[in-house]
Amino acid sequence: MPLKLIQRSEGGAWYIRGTVAGRYVYRSTQTSSKRAAEAIRIRTEAEMLERHSLGRKATATFQEAAVNYLTAGGEGRFLTPILHHFKDVKLSAIDNAAINEAAASLYPGAKPSTINRQLITPVSAVLTMAAEDGLCEPVKLRRRKVTDKKTRWLTPAEFTAFAAELPPHLKQIIGFMIGTGARARETLSLQVSTLYLSTGQALLAETKNGLPRMVEIPDAALPLIRARKLPKEGTAFLTSRNRPYELRDNTGGQFKTAFNKARARVTENKENGITLGRDVTPHTIRHTWATWYYAQTRDFGRLLDLGGWADADTANIYRKIAPDDLAQDLLQHGWDFRRGFQRDGAPALRVVSSN
């Protein structure tokens, strides 16, 4: 029977009920306006008939695919504006031209890297799963060419000067990040129960890609992590008021003010001769760890594992940006990331005296 409207209580929402093309429907329109409900009924019936005649692949929408993606545990960051933009657009209509229009609408004037990260990557993830589910044909979206690949990282001397200016609660956080390469959100969600200082390890349970990973903590990071007493249970790193941080997408922003003040104090201290600009951000610490780690170990595979990168291209830049003497410079500042290499019997670096 065709779809019809029913109202279970006076003044309440209208419901759609009936059978179309062999499929039974009973759902709320979420509106008490009969006129609006009737429009929804007509559209629903038309969509069901279209899907029946053309097949699911020809009629599936981006919104439908995105819901499936999120339900399966996909990353929801950046998807909200994309959903508003595409709304009921069919998957078959999303191609590079549609992405160009979305980029112009959602991120006018944005850098190519921003469009790649906040638009093309999440849309590609949704489309890939949709293709696996038979909702659309596989689609390869063209990524923007990123010409500026400069990545700011701190020299051992710069980091030493910076760490000296950090308040205790932030010194713990930055100390863990510089030692392990963990992202800000991964660091602030760390639990005391998975922080193993006795073995120099930590298990990151809440990661960007959803896959838990074990990270290694070099000895030089331990005094920073112990800058103040750790809690006995619960979240490992707390605010200056001993409260857990609220976990958000841009978690590093929660301690950005204290971070920036410490950065400014380094520059104001004329005795150290070090200047840190605004290009030094909380995420710079992760870049620094990656640069340091590869400079000492030359182990790209281990870098990917410890850093939690799914895409090798993202981490590949760290193979190219460090000077040849960085490994020795790190050793002379007390930083040694070669635990895995020493365990596997690889030759150790020899500290060269500066005298």
Protein backbone atom coordinates (compact mmCIF):
# COMPACT_ATOMS: atom_id res chain seq x y z
CA MET A 1 0.00 0.00 0.00
CA PRO A 2 1.22 3.56 -0.60
CA LEU A 3 2.68 5.57 2.26
CA LYS A 4 0.28 7.52 4.45
CA LEU A 5 0.54 9.90 7.37
CA ILE A 6 -0.67 9.12 10.89
CA GLN A 7 -0.52 11.15 14.08
CA ARG A 8 -0.24 9.16 17.28
CA SER A 9 -1.25 12.07 19.51
CA GLU A 10 -2.90 15.40 18.86
CA GLY A 11 -0.25 18.04 18.19
CA GLY A 12 2.49 15.44 18.03
CA ALA A 13 4.82 14.53 15.19
CA TRP A 14 3.42 12.91 12.05
CA TYR A 15 4.56 9.40 11.16
CA ILE A 16 4.94 7.78 7.76
CA ARG A 17 3.60 4.26 7.47
CA GLY A 18 3.07 1.91 4.57
CA THR A 19 4.72 -0.39 2.04
CA VAL A 20 6.43 0.65 -1.19
CA ALA A 21 8.05 -1.78 -3.62
CA GLY A 22 7.82 -4.53 -1.03
CA ARG A 23 9.49 -2.51 1.73
CA TYR A 24 7.60 -1.62 4.91
CA VAL A 25 8.15 1.84 6.35
CA TYR A 26 7.22 3.23 9.74
CA ARG A 27 9.15 6.32 10.76
CA SER A 28 8.68 9.76 12.28
CA THR A 29 8.81 12.87 10.11
CA GLN A 30 9.92 14.79 13.21
CA THR A 31 7.45 17.57 12.47
CA SER A 32 3.94 18.36 13.70
CA SER A 33 3.18 20.35 10.54
CA LYS A 34 1.03 18.23 8.25
CA ARG A 35 2.10 20.25 5.21
CA ALA A 36 5.79 19.64 5.93
CA ALA A 37 5.09 15.99 6.78
CA GLU A 38 3.26 15.51 3.49
CA ALA A 39 6.26 16.85 1.59
CA ILE A 40 8.49 14.37 3.43
CA ARG A 41 6.04 11.55 2.67
CA ILE A 42 6.03 12.34 -1.04
CA ARG A 43 9.82 12.58 -1.18
CA THR A 44 10.30 9.35 0.78
CA GLU A 45 7.94 7.44 -1.49
CA ALA A 46 9.61 8.81 -4.61
CA GLU A 47 13.07 7.87 -3.33
CA MET A 48 11.95 4.34 -2.51
CA LEU A 49 10.43 3.88 -5.94
CA GLU A 50 13.55 5.29 -7.60
CA ARG A 51 15.80 2.96 -5.63
CA HIS A 52 13.61 0.01 -6.48
CA SER A 53 13.73 0.73 -10.20
CA LEU A 54 17.33 1.94 -10.52
CA GLY A 55 19.06 0.00 -7.76
CA ARG A 56 20.78 1.08 -4.55
CA LYS A 57 24.04 2.04 -6.23
CA ALA A 58 22.34 4.62 -8.43
CA THR A 59 20.43 6.30 -5.62
CA ALA A 60 22.62 6.16 -2.48
CA THR A 61 23.41 9.60 -1.05
CA PHE A 62 26.51 11.00 0.61
CA GLN A 63 24.56 11.47 3.83
CA GLU A 64 23.61 7.78 3.86
CA ALA A 65 27.21 6.74 3.21
CA ALA A 66 28.52 9.14 5.88
CA VAL A 67 26.16 7.68 8.49
CA ASN A 68 27.42 4.18 7.65
CA TYR A 69 31.02 5.44 7.88
CA LEU A 70 30.53 7.03 11.30
CA THR A 71 28.58 4.05 12.62
CA ALA A 72 31.49 1.82 11.66
CA GLY A 73 33.81 4.00 13.76
CA GLY A 74 35.09 6.36 11.07
CA GLU A 75 36.72 9.70 11.93
CA GLY A 76 34.05 12.39 12.24
CA ARG A 77 36.37 15.37 12.37
CA PHE A 78 35.68 17.84 9.53
CA LEU A 79 32.59 15.92 8.31
CA THR A 80 29.90 18.30 9.64
CA PRO A 81 30.39 21.13 7.08
CA ILE A 82 30.80 18.55 4.31
CA LEU A 83 27.47 16.95 5.21
CA HIS A 84 25.77 20.35 5.16
CA HIS A 85 27.25 21.04 1.75
CA PHE A 86 26.40 17.77 0.01
CA LYS A 87 23.15 17.08 1.89
CA ASP A 88 21.19 14.66 -0.33
CA VAL A 89 23.68 14.62 -3.20
CA LYS A 90 23.97 11.16 -4.71
CA LEU A 91 27.31 9.41 -4.41
CA SER A 92 27.41 8.98 -8.17
CA ALA A 93 27.49 12.77 -8.51
CA ILE A 94 30.53 13.30 -6.29
CA ASP A 95 33.62 13.63 -8.45
CA ASN A 96 36.56 16.01 -8.74
CA ALA A 97 34.33 18.75 -10.15
CA ALA A 98 32.00 18.43 -7.15
CA ILE A 99 35.01 18.58 -4.83
CA ASN A 100 36.22 21.77 -6.54
CA GLU A 101 32.81 23.36 -5.91
CA ALA A 102 32.83 22.20 -2.30
CA ALA A 103 36.33 23.61 -1.77
CA ALA A 104 35.28 26.99 -3.18
CA SER A 105 32.21 27.04 -0.95
CA LEU A 106 33.61 25.63 2.31
CA TYR A 107 37.24 26.76 2.24
CA PRO A 108 37.66 29.79 -0.02
CA GLY A 109 41.27 30.94 -0.05
CA ALA A 110 42.45 27.96 2.01
CA LYS A 111 45.85 26.40 1.47
CA PRO A 112 46.04 23.20 -0.60
CA SER A 113 47.10 21.28 2.50
CA THR A 114 43.97 22.46 4.33
CA ILE A 115 41.69 21.36 1.48
CA ASN A 116 43.44 17.99 1.37
CA ARG A 117 43.13 17.47 5.11
CA GLN A 118 39.67 18.89 5.81
CA LEU A 119 37.79 18.07 2.61
CA ILE A 120 39.38 15.55 0.26
CA THR A 121 40.63 13.13 2.92
CA PRO A 122 37.29 12.75 4.78
CA VAL A 123 35.24 12.58 1.57
CA SER A 124 37.61 9.95 0.18
CA ALA A 125 37.25 7.91 3.37
CA VAL A 126 33.44 7.95 3.12
CA LEU A 127 33.49 7.09 -0.60
CA THR A 128 35.96 4.26 -0.09
CA MET A 129 33.74 2.57 2.49
CA ALA A 130 30.67 3.21 0.35
CA ALA A 131 32.34 1.47 -2.59
CA GLU A 132 33.22 -1.47 -0.35
CA ASP A 133 29.55 -1.66 0.69
CA GLY A 134 28.38 -1.61 -2.92
CA LEU A 135 26.81 1.84 -2.70
CA CYS A 136 28.91 3.37 -5.46
CA GLU A 137 31.72 2.73 -7.88
CA PRO A 138 35.27 3.36 -6.58
CA VAL A 139 36.21 7.03 -6.92
CA LYS A 140 39.74 8.46 -6.82
CA LEU A 141 39.69 12.12 -5.86
CA ARG A 142 42.56 14.32 -6.99
CA ARG A 143 44.49 15.82 -4.09
CA ARG A 144 45.82 19.36 -4.22
CA LYS A 145 49.52 19.74 -4.88
CA VAL A 146 51.30 21.01 -1.79
CA THR A 147 54.34 23.04 -2.75
CA ASP A 148 55.34 24.31 0.71
CA LYS A 149 56.57 21.27 2.62
CA LYS A 150 58.69 23.10 5.18
CA THR A 151 58.21 21.62 8.62
CA ARG A 152 59.34 23.56 11.67
CA TRP A 153 61.20 21.54 14.26
CA LEU A 154 63.25 22.50 17.30
CA THR A 155 66.96 21.95 17.68
CA PRO A 156 68.05 20.32 20.97
CA ALA A 157 69.26 23.74 22.20
CA GLU A 158 65.95 25.38 21.29
CA PHE A 159 63.95 22.70 23.06
CA THR A 160 66.14 22.87 26.16
CA ALA A 161 65.56 26.63 26.39
CA PHE A 162 61.83 26.17 25.78
CA ALA A 163 61.41 23.38 28.35
CA ALA A 164 63.08 25.56 30.99
CA GLU A 165 60.27 28.11 30.61
CA LEU A 166 57.36 25.65 30.85
CA PRO A 167 55.20 25.49 33.99
CA PRO A 168 55.24 22.03 35.66
CA HIS A 169 51.86 20.83 34.36
CA LEU A 170 52.77 21.76 30.78
CA LYS A 171 56.32 20.44 31.14
CA GLN A 172 54.81 17.00 31.76
CA ILE A 173 52.68 17.17 28.62
CA ILE A 174 55.39 18.53 26.34
CA GLY A 175 57.92 16.12 27.84
CA PHE A 176 55.72 13.16 26.95
CA MET A 177 55.04 14.51 23.45
CA ILE A 178 58.71 15.20 22.64
CA GLY A 179 59.70 11.77 23.91
CA THR A 180 57.01 9.72 22.15
CA GLY A 181 55.67 11.76 19.23
CA ALA A 182 52.15 11.48 20.59
CA ARG A 183 49.61 14.02 19.39
CA ALA A 184 48.08 16.43 21.90
CA ARG A 185 44.76 14.59 22.12
CA GLU A 186 46.51 11.24 22.43
CA THR A 187 48.63 12.65 25.25
CA LEU A 188 45.77 14.21 27.18
CA SER A 189 43.67 11.04 27.00
CA LEU A 190 46.51 8.88 28.39
CA GLN A 191 45.62 7.01 31.57
CA VAL A 192 47.98 6.46 34.48
CA SER A 193 47.26 2.73 34.21
CA THR A 194 48.87 2.59 30.74
CA LEU A 195 51.88 4.82 31.52
CA TYR A 196 54.77 2.46 32.30
CA LEU A 197 57.61 4.71 33.43
CA SER A 198 59.56 1.77 34.87
CA THR A 199 59.98 0.31 31.37
CA GLY A 200 59.90 3.62 29.48
CA GLN A 201 56.69 2.82 27.61
CA ALA A 202 53.08 3.95 27.31
CA LEU A 203 50.01 2.53 25.62
CA LEU A 204 47.99 5.11 23.70
CA ALA A 205 44.44 3.76 23.69
CA GLU A 206 42.68 6.74 22.07
CA THR A 207 44.51 7.51 18.84
CA LYS A 208 43.71 9.50 15.71
CA ASN A 209 43.29 6.42 13.52
CA GLY A 210 41.52 4.41 16.22
CA LEU A 211 44.31 1.84 16.52
CA PRO A 212 45.98 1.62 19.97
CA ARG A 213 49.78 1.72 19.87
CA MET A 214 52.65 1.33 22.29
CA VAL A 215 55.19 4.14 22.34
CA GLU A 216 58.69 4.36 23.82
CA ILE A 217 59.88 7.02 26.26
CA PRO A 218 63.59 7.94 26.16
CA ASP A 219 65.35 8.55 29.46
CA ALA A 220 65.74 12.28 28.80
CA ALA A 221 61.94 12.72 28.77
CA LEU A 222 61.39 11.12 32.18
CA PRO A 223 62.46 14.13 34.34
CA LEU A 224 60.07 16.32 32.32
CA ILE A 225 57.19 13.89 32.81
CA ARG A 226 57.98 13.81 36.53
CA ALA A 227 58.02 17.62 36.77
CA ARG A 228 55.16 17.26 39.22
CA LYS A 229 53.53 14.30 40.94
CA LEU A 230 51.42 12.12 38.70
CA PRO A 231 47.91 11.09 39.84
CA LYS A 232 47.48 7.60 41.29
CA GLU A 233 44.69 6.78 38.84
CA GLY A 234 42.64 8.23 36.00
CA THR A 235 44.00 10.70 33.47
CA ALA A 236 47.77 11.01 33.64
CA PHE A 237 48.25 14.67 32.70
CA LEU A 238 46.04 17.29 34.32
CA THR A 239 45.55 21.04 34.07
CA SER A 240 47.25 23.47 36.44
CA ARG A 241 44.13 23.07 38.60
CA ASN A 242 44.50 19.29 38.64
CA ARG A 243 41.52 18.63 36.40
CA PRO A 244 41.41 16.45 33.28
CA TYR A 245 41.44 18.33 29.99
CA GLU A 246 38.27 18.26 27.91
CA LEU A 247 39.05 16.21 24.83
CA ARG A 248 38.30 18.10 21.63
CA ASP A 249 39.39 17.83 18.01
CA ASN A 250 41.93 20.63 18.44
CA THR A 251 43.02 19.62 21.92
CA GLY A 252 46.34 21.44 21.71
CA GLY A 253 44.43 24.71 21.81
CA GLN A 254 43.54 24.10 25.46
CA PHE A 255 47.09 24.74 26.62
CA LYS A 256 48.05 27.05 23.77
CA THR A 257 48.05 30.20 25.93
CA ALA A 258 50.55 28.77 28.42
CA PHE A 259 52.54 27.32 25.52
CA ASN A 260 52.74 30.71 23.78
CA LYS A 261 53.78 32.50 26.96
CA ALA A 262 56.64 30.06 27.49
CA ARG A 263 57.69 30.50 23.87
CA ALA A 264 57.71 34.28 24.31
CA ARG A 265 59.84 34.03 27.46
CA VAL A 266 62.50 32.14 25.51
CA THR A 267 62.79 35.00 23.03
CA GLU A 268 62.73 37.62 25.79
CA ASN A 269 65.68 35.93 27.50
CA LYS A 270 68.53 37.62 25.65
CA GLU A 271 71.17 35.50 27.37
CA ASN A 272 70.35 32.30 25.49
CA GLY A 273 70.41 33.93 22.06
CA ILE A 274 67.42 31.85 20.92
CA THR A 275 64.35 33.21 19.15
CA LEU A 276 61.16 31.19 18.79
CA GLY A 277 58.50 32.58 16.46
CA ARG A 278 54.80 31.94 16.07
CA ASP A 279 55.56 29.04 13.75
CA VAL A 280 56.41 27.05 16.90
CA THR A 281 53.08 25.52 17.95
CA PRO A 282 52.08 22.49 20.05
CA HIS A 283 52.12 20.36 16.90
CA THR A 284 55.74 21.44 16.30
CA ILE A 285 56.65 19.12 19.16
CA ARG A 286 55.45 16.11 17.16
CA HIS A 287 57.42 17.32 14.13
CA THR A 288 60.46 17.67 16.37
CA TRP A 289 60.15 14.15 17.75
CA ALA A 290 59.87 12.68 14.24
CA THR A 291 62.90 14.63 13.02
CA TRP A 292 64.97 13.65 16.03
CA TYR A 293 63.91 10.01 15.99
CA TYR A 294 64.74 9.41 12.34
CA ALA A 295 68.00 11.38 12.56
CA GLN A 296 69.26 8.96 15.22
CA THR A 297 67.75 5.64 14.15
CA ARG A 298 67.27 5.90 10.35
CA ASP A 299 64.43 3.43 10.93
CA PHE A 300 61.55 4.69 8.79
CA GLY A 301 59.32 1.70 9.45
CA ARG A 302 59.64 2.11 13.21
CA LEU A 303 59.01 5.84 12.83
CA LEU A 304 55.68 5.06 11.15
CA ASP A 305 54.71 2.53 13.83
CA LEU A 306 55.56 4.73 16.81
CA GLY A 307 54.13 7.88 15.22
CA GLY A 308 50.86 6.26 14.22
CA TRP A 309 50.88 7.41 10.58
CA ALA A 310 48.69 5.44 8.20
CA ASP A 311 50.21 7.18 5.18
CA ALA A 312 53.96 6.88 4.65
CA ASP A 313 53.96 10.01 2.46
CA THR A 314 53.02 12.14 5.46
CA ALA A 315 56.06 11.04 7.45
CA ASN A 316 58.47 10.84 4.52
CA ILE A 317 59.51 14.49 4.88
CA TYR A 318 61.34 13.67 8.14
CA ARG A 319 63.90 11.67 6.17
CA LYS A 320 65.12 14.80 4.44
CA ILE A 321 65.03 17.85 6.71
CA ALA A 322 67.68 17.20 9.38
CA PRO A 323 71.39 18.08 9.14
CA ASP A 324 73.94 15.27 9.35
CA ASP A 325 75.17 16.27 12.81
CA LEU A 326 71.75 16.23 14.50
CA ALA A 327 72.19 12.68 15.85
CA GLN A 328 75.39 13.64 17.69
CA ASP A 329 73.89 16.94 18.83
CA LEU A 330 70.99 15.06 20.40
CA LEU A 331 73.32 12.71 22.25
CA GLN A 332 75.28 15.62 23.65
CA HIS A 333 72.01 17.08 24.96
CA GLY A 334 71.10 13.74 26.55
CA TRP A 335 68.55 12.51 24.00
CA ASP A 336 68.86 8.91 22.83
CA PHE A 337 66.07 7.29 20.80
CA ARG A 338 68.04 4.22 19.75
CA ARG A 339 66.62 1.70 22.21
CA GLY A 340 65.12 -0.43 19.43
CA PHE A 341 68.37 -0.35 17.45
CA GLN A 342 70.49 -1.37 20.40
CA ARG A 343 68.10 -4.21 21.15
CA ASP A 344 68.44 -5.46 17.57
CA GLY A 345 72.21 -5.33 17.67
CA ALA A 346 72.73 -2.34 15.40
CA PRO A 347 75.90 -0.32 16.00
CA ALA A 348 75.45 2.50 18.47
CA LEU A 349 76.42 6.08 17.83
CA ARG A 350 79.50 7.29 19.64
CA VAL A 351 79.32 10.58 21.45
CA VAL A 352 82.04 12.87 20.18
CA SER A 353 83.44 15.19 22.81
CA SER A 354 82.99 18.86 22.07
CA ASN A 355 86.21 19.72 23.88
